[in-house]
Amino acid sequence: KAAEEADALRLRRRDAAAVAASLDWKGGDVGSGAGGINAAAASKAVEVWGEIDVPAGLGADRGTYKWRQNQTFVEVFVLLPPHCAGARDVEVSLTADTLRVRVCGE
């Protein structure tokens, strides 16, 4: 179990580093307003999104969101559209049996 948790933490760190590297979104020619990103950053974000590993039978890739699990935890990843600026455009509601994520009011 310890080895499995260490592997999961390694995957988390890799995914977090990849996402952090992709968040250098300083341009404004994709999307609208200050939250816009440039085409190179958008391309990088799509590349990083593809690198998030979802093991067969332990999660799913639903296009705009992915989830994976092990015996210890569940991780959910949500792909933000280019016009969303980040955390301020995301609402999360968690109960004992549901998880609801609203992105940019949708």
N, C-alpha and C. Protein backbone atom coordinates (compact mmCIF):
# COMPACT_ATOMS: atom_id res chain seq x y z
N LYS A 1 0.82 -1.20 0.00
CA LYS A 1 0.00 0.00 0.00
C LYS A 1 0.87 1.26 0.00
N ALA A 2 1.96 1.23 0.73
CA ALA A 2 2.85 2.40 0.78
C ALA A 2 3.44 2.69 -0.60
N ALA A 3 3.79 1.63 -1.34
CA ALA A 3 4.35 1.82 -2.68
C ALA A 3 3.29 2.41 -3.62
N GLU A 4 2.05 1.97 -3.48
CA GLU A 4 0.97 2.49 -4.30
C GLU A 4 0.73 3.97 -4.01
N GLU A 5 0.76 4.35 -2.74
CA GLU A 5 0.58 5.75 -2.37
C GLU A 5 1.74 6.60 -2.86
N ALA A 6 2.96 6.05 -2.79
CA ALA A 6 4.13 6.78 -3.29
C ALA A 6 4.01 7.01 -4.79
N ASP A 7 3.53 5.99 -5.53
CA ASP A 7 3.33 6.14 -6.97
C ASP A 7 2.27 7.19 -7.27
N ALA A 8 1.19 7.18 -6.50
CA ALA A 8 0.11 8.16 -6.70
C ALA A 8 0.62 9.57 -6.43
N LEU A 9 1.40 9.74 -5.37
CA LEU A 9 1.96 11.06 -5.07
C LEU A 9 2.93 11.52 -6.15
N ARG A 10 3.70 10.59 -6.70
CA ARG A 10 4.61 10.91 -7.80
C ARG A 10 3.81 11.41 -9.01
N LEU A 11 2.72 10.72 -9.33
CA LEU A 11 1.86 11.14 -10.44
C LEU A 11 1.27 12.52 -10.17
N ARG A 12 0.82 12.76 -8.94
CA ARG A 12 0.28 14.07 -8.58
C ARG A 12 1.30 15.17 -8.79
N ARG A 13 2.53 14.93 -8.31
CA ARG A 13 3.58 15.95 -8.45
C ARG A 13 3.88 16.21 -9.92
N ARG A 14 3.95 15.14 -10.72
CA ARG A 14 4.22 15.31 -12.15
C ARG A 14 3.10 16.10 -12.82
N ASP A 15 1.86 15.75 -12.52
CA ASP A 15 0.73 16.45 -13.12
C ASP A 15 0.69 17.91 -12.67
N ALA A 16 0.93 18.14 -11.39
CA ALA A 16 0.91 19.51 -10.87
C ALA A 16 2.01 20.34 -11.51
N ALA A 17 3.19 19.76 -11.69
CA ALA A 17 4.30 20.49 -12.32
C ALA A 17 3.97 20.80 -13.77
N ALA A 18 3.37 19.86 -14.47
CA ALA A 18 3.02 20.08 -15.87
C ALA A 18 1.96 21.17 -16.01
N VAL A 19 0.96 21.13 -15.15
CA VAL A 19 -0.08 22.16 -15.20
C VAL A 19 0.50 23.52 -14.84
N ALA A 20 1.32 23.57 -13.80
CA ALA A 20 1.94 24.84 -13.40
C ALA A 20 2.76 25.42 -14.54
N ALA A 21 3.49 24.56 -15.24
CA ALA A 21 4.31 25.03 -16.37
C ALA A 21 3.44 25.59 -17.49
N SER A 22 2.24 25.04 -17.64
CA SER A 22 1.36 25.49 -18.72
C SER A 22 0.62 26.77 -18.38
N LEU A 23 0.65 27.22 -17.14
CA LEU A 23 -0.15 28.36 -16.72
C LEU A 23 0.52 29.71 -16.96
N ASP A 24 1.52 29.74 -17.79
CA ASP A 24 2.15 31.00 -18.15
C ASP A 24 1.32 31.62 -19.27
N TRP A 25 0.07 31.92 -19.01
CA TRP A 25 -0.90 32.40 -19.99
C TRP A 25 -0.99 33.90 -19.94
N LYS A 26 -0.05 34.58 -20.57
CA LYS A 26 0.00 36.03 -20.45
C LYS A 26 -0.51 36.75 -21.69
N GLY A 27 -0.74 36.02 -22.76
CA GLY A 27 -1.23 36.65 -23.98
C GLY A 27 -2.71 36.94 -23.89
N GLY A 28 -3.30 37.41 -24.98
CA GLY A 28 -4.71 37.71 -24.92
C GLY A 28 -5.44 37.46 -26.21
N ASP A 29 -4.86 36.64 -27.11
CA ASP A 29 -5.49 36.50 -28.41
C ASP A 29 -6.38 35.27 -28.53
N VAL A 30 -6.58 34.51 -27.45
CA VAL A 30 -7.56 33.43 -27.43
C VAL A 30 -8.44 33.70 -26.23
N GLY A 31 -9.74 33.59 -26.38
CA GLY A 31 -10.63 33.89 -25.27
C GLY A 31 -10.93 35.38 -25.24
N SER A 32 -11.50 35.82 -24.13
CA SER A 32 -11.88 37.22 -24.06
C SER A 32 -11.39 37.84 -22.78
N GLY A 33 -11.16 39.12 -22.79
CA GLY A 33 -10.79 39.86 -21.60
C GLY A 33 -9.42 39.47 -21.08
N ALA A 34 -9.17 39.84 -19.82
CA ALA A 34 -7.86 39.60 -19.21
C ALA A 34 -7.59 38.12 -19.04
N GLY A 35 -8.64 37.28 -19.07
CA GLY A 35 -8.45 35.85 -18.89
C GLY A 35 -8.03 35.13 -20.16
N GLY A 36 -7.91 35.86 -21.27
CA GLY A 36 -7.54 35.24 -22.53
C GLY A 36 -6.13 34.68 -22.49
N ILE A 37 -5.87 33.70 -23.34
CA ILE A 37 -4.54 33.11 -23.41
C ILE A 37 -4.09 33.12 -24.86
N ASN A 38 -2.78 33.05 -25.06
CA ASN A 38 -2.31 33.04 -26.44
C ASN A 38 -2.36 31.63 -27.01
N ALA A 39 -2.24 31.51 -28.32
CA ALA A 39 -2.38 30.22 -29.00
C ALA A 39 -1.33 29.22 -28.54
N ALA A 40 -0.10 29.66 -28.29
CA ALA A 40 0.95 28.75 -27.82
C ALA A 40 0.61 28.19 -26.45
N ALA A 41 0.09 29.04 -25.55
CA ALA A 41 -0.29 28.58 -24.22
C ALA A 41 -1.47 27.62 -24.29
N ALA A 42 -2.42 27.91 -25.18
CA ALA A 42 -3.57 27.02 -25.34
C ALA A 42 -3.11 25.66 -25.84
N SER A 43 -2.18 25.65 -26.77
CA SER A 43 -1.64 24.39 -27.28
C SER A 43 -0.93 23.61 -26.17
N LYS A 44 -0.16 24.32 -25.35
CA LYS A 44 0.54 23.68 -24.23
C LYS A 44 -0.46 23.11 -23.23
N ALA A 45 -1.54 23.84 -22.96
CA ALA A 45 -2.55 23.36 -22.02
C ALA A 45 -3.17 22.06 -22.52
N VAL A 46 -3.45 21.98 -23.81
CA VAL A 46 -4.01 20.75 -24.38
C VAL A 46 -3.00 19.62 -24.27
N GLU A 47 -1.74 19.90 -24.50
CA GLU A 47 -0.68 18.90 -24.37
C GLU A 47 -0.61 18.38 -22.93
N VAL A 48 -0.61 19.29 -21.97
CA VAL A 48 -0.54 18.92 -20.56
C VAL A 48 -1.77 18.10 -20.18
N TRP A 49 -2.93 18.50 -20.64
CA TRP A 49 -4.17 17.77 -20.36
C TRP A 49 -4.02 16.32 -20.82
N GLY A 50 -3.41 16.11 -21.97
CA GLY A 50 -3.20 14.76 -22.48
C GLY A 50 -2.24 13.93 -21.65
N GLU A 51 -1.39 14.59 -20.88
CA GLU A 51 -0.41 13.88 -20.06
C GLU A 51 -0.98 13.40 -18.73
N ILE A 52 -2.18 13.83 -18.36
CA ILE A 52 -2.78 13.36 -17.11
C ILE A 52 -3.21 11.92 -17.32
N ASP A 53 -2.57 11.02 -16.60
CA ASP A 53 -2.77 9.58 -16.76
C ASP A 53 -3.99 9.11 -15.98
N VAL A 54 -4.87 8.36 -16.65
CA VAL A 54 -6.02 7.74 -16.00
C VAL A 54 -5.90 6.24 -16.22
N PRO A 55 -5.51 5.48 -15.18
CA PRO A 55 -5.34 4.03 -15.33
C PRO A 55 -6.66 3.34 -15.70
N ALA A 56 -6.59 2.36 -16.57
CA ALA A 56 -7.77 1.61 -16.99
C ALA A 56 -8.43 0.97 -15.77
N GLY A 57 -9.74 1.14 -15.68
CA GLY A 57 -10.50 0.55 -14.59
C GLY A 57 -10.43 1.32 -13.28
N LEU A 58 -9.65 2.39 -13.25
CA LEU A 58 -9.51 3.18 -12.02
C LEU A 58 -9.85 4.64 -12.23
N GLY A 59 -10.71 4.92 -13.21
CA GLY A 59 -11.10 6.29 -13.48
C GLY A 59 -11.70 6.38 -14.87
N ALA A 60 -11.81 7.61 -15.35
CA ALA A 60 -12.38 7.83 -16.67
C ALA A 60 -11.94 9.18 -17.21
N ASP A 61 -11.90 9.27 -18.53
CA ASP A 61 -11.64 10.52 -19.24
C ASP A 61 -12.92 10.88 -19.97
N ARG A 62 -13.57 11.96 -19.56
CA ARG A 62 -14.85 12.37 -20.13
C ARG A 62 -14.72 13.61 -21.01
N GLY A 63 -13.51 13.87 -21.47
CA GLY A 63 -13.31 15.01 -22.37
C GLY A 63 -13.01 16.30 -21.65
N THR A 64 -14.00 16.85 -20.94
CA THR A 64 -13.79 18.10 -20.22
C THR A 64 -13.40 17.86 -18.77
N TYR A 65 -13.51 16.62 -18.32
CA TYR A 65 -13.01 16.28 -16.99
C TYR A 65 -12.48 14.86 -16.98
N LYS A 66 -11.58 14.60 -16.05
CA LYS A 66 -11.00 13.28 -15.85
C LYS A 66 -11.02 12.98 -14.36
N TRP A 67 -11.11 11.70 -14.01
CA TRP A 67 -10.97 11.33 -12.62
C TRP A 67 -10.21 10.02 -12.55
N ARG A 68 -9.53 9.84 -11.44
CA ARG A 68 -8.81 8.60 -11.18
C ARG A 68 -8.86 8.34 -9.67
N GLN A 69 -8.67 7.09 -9.32
CA GLN A 69 -8.75 6.73 -7.91
C GLN A 69 -7.80 5.59 -7.58
N ASN A 70 -7.55 5.46 -6.30
CA ASN A 70 -6.91 4.26 -5.76
C ASN A 70 -7.62 3.95 -4.45
N GLN A 71 -7.05 3.13 -3.62
CA GLN A 71 -7.72 2.77 -2.37
C GLN A 71 -7.73 3.91 -1.35
N THR A 72 -6.93 4.92 -1.57
CA THR A 72 -6.79 6.00 -0.60
C THR A 72 -7.57 7.26 -0.97
N PHE A 73 -7.61 7.62 -2.25
CA PHE A 73 -8.23 8.89 -2.62
C PHE A 73 -8.74 8.87 -4.05
N VAL A 74 -9.51 9.89 -4.38
CA VAL A 74 -10.02 10.13 -5.73
C VAL A 74 -9.53 11.51 -6.15
N GLU A 75 -9.07 11.62 -7.39
CA GLU A 75 -8.66 12.92 -7.94
C GLU A 75 -9.54 13.25 -9.13
N VAL A 76 -9.96 14.51 -9.22
CA VAL A 76 -10.77 14.98 -10.33
C VAL A 76 -10.04 16.16 -10.97
N PHE A 77 -9.93 16.13 -12.29
CA PHE A 77 -9.29 17.20 -13.05
C PHE A 77 -10.34 17.79 -13.98
N VAL A 78 -10.43 19.10 -14.03
CA VAL A 78 -11.41 19.79 -14.88
C VAL A 78 -10.65 20.69 -15.84
N LEU A 79 -10.91 20.53 -17.11
CA LEU A 79 -10.28 21.36 -18.15
C LEU A 79 -11.04 22.68 -18.25
N LEU A 80 -10.36 23.78 -17.96
CA LEU A 80 -11.00 25.08 -18.06
C LEU A 80 -10.99 25.57 -19.50
N PRO A 81 -12.11 26.12 -19.98
CA PRO A 81 -12.12 26.70 -21.31
C PRO A 81 -11.20 27.93 -21.35
N PRO A 82 -10.70 28.28 -22.52
CA PRO A 82 -9.77 29.41 -22.63
C PRO A 82 -10.30 30.73 -22.07
N HIS A 83 -11.60 30.96 -22.11
CA HIS A 83 -12.15 32.23 -21.64
C HIS A 83 -12.27 32.31 -20.12
N CYS A 84 -12.00 31.24 -19.40
CA CYS A 84 -12.04 31.27 -17.93
C CYS A 84 -10.67 31.67 -17.40
N ALA A 85 -10.69 32.54 -16.41
CA ALA A 85 -9.44 33.10 -15.88
C ALA A 85 -8.78 32.19 -14.85
N GLY A 86 -9.51 31.30 -14.23
CA GLY A 86 -8.91 30.43 -13.23
C GLY A 86 -9.84 30.18 -12.06
N ALA A 87 -9.28 30.11 -10.86
CA ALA A 87 -10.02 29.71 -9.68
C ALA A 87 -11.28 30.54 -9.43
N ARG A 88 -11.23 31.82 -9.74
CA ARG A 88 -12.40 32.65 -9.47
C ARG A 88 -13.59 32.30 -10.36
N ASP A 89 -13.35 31.53 -11.42
CA ASP A 89 -14.41 31.10 -12.33
C ASP A 89 -14.89 29.68 -12.05
N VAL A 90 -14.42 29.09 -10.95
CA VAL A 90 -14.77 27.71 -10.63
C VAL A 90 -15.47 27.66 -9.28
N GLU A 91 -16.63 26.99 -9.25
CA GLU A 91 -17.36 26.76 -8.01
C GLU A 91 -17.41 25.26 -7.76
N VAL A 92 -17.06 24.84 -6.55
CA VAL A 92 -17.06 23.42 -6.21
C VAL A 92 -17.98 23.21 -5.02
N SER A 93 -18.85 22.21 -5.14
CA SER A 93 -19.74 21.82 -4.05
C SER A 93 -19.53 20.33 -3.81
N LEU A 94 -19.24 19.98 -2.56
CA LEU A 94 -18.95 18.59 -2.21
C LEU A 94 -19.83 18.16 -1.05
N THR A 95 -20.54 17.06 -1.23
CA THR A 95 -21.31 16.46 -0.15
C THR A 95 -20.82 15.03 0.04
N ALA A 96 -21.46 14.30 0.92
CA ALA A 96 -21.04 12.93 1.20
C ALA A 96 -21.16 12.03 -0.03
N ASP A 97 -22.07 12.34 -0.94
CA ASP A 97 -22.24 11.46 -2.10
C ASP A 97 -22.25 12.16 -3.46
N THR A 98 -21.95 13.45 -3.50
CA THR A 98 -21.90 14.16 -4.79
C THR A 98 -20.75 15.16 -4.84
N LEU A 99 -20.30 15.38 -6.04
CA LEU A 99 -19.32 16.43 -6.32
C LEU A 99 -19.88 17.22 -7.49
N ARG A 100 -20.03 18.52 -7.33
CA ARG A 100 -20.52 19.37 -8.41
C ARG A 100 -19.50 20.45 -8.68
N VAL A 101 -19.11 20.59 -9.93
CA VAL A 101 -18.14 21.61 -10.33
C VAL A 101 -18.80 22.46 -11.41
N ARG A 102 -18.88 23.76 -11.17
CA ARG A 102 -19.39 24.71 -12.17
C ARG A 102 -18.21 25.53 -12.65
N VAL A 103 -18.06 25.60 -13.96
CA VAL A 103 -16.96 26.33 -14.57
C VAL A 103 -17.56 27.46 -15.40
N CYS A 104 -17.17 28.69 -15.08
CA CYS A 104 -17.64 29.87 -15.81
C CYS A 104 -19.17 29.92 -15.86
N GLY A 105 -19.81 29.56 -14.74
CA GLY A 105 -21.24 29.62 -14.65
C GLY A 105 -22.00 28.50 -15.33
N GLU A 106 -21.32 27.53 -15.90
CA GLU A 106 -22.00 26.43 -16.61
C GLU A 106 -22.10 25.23 -15.71
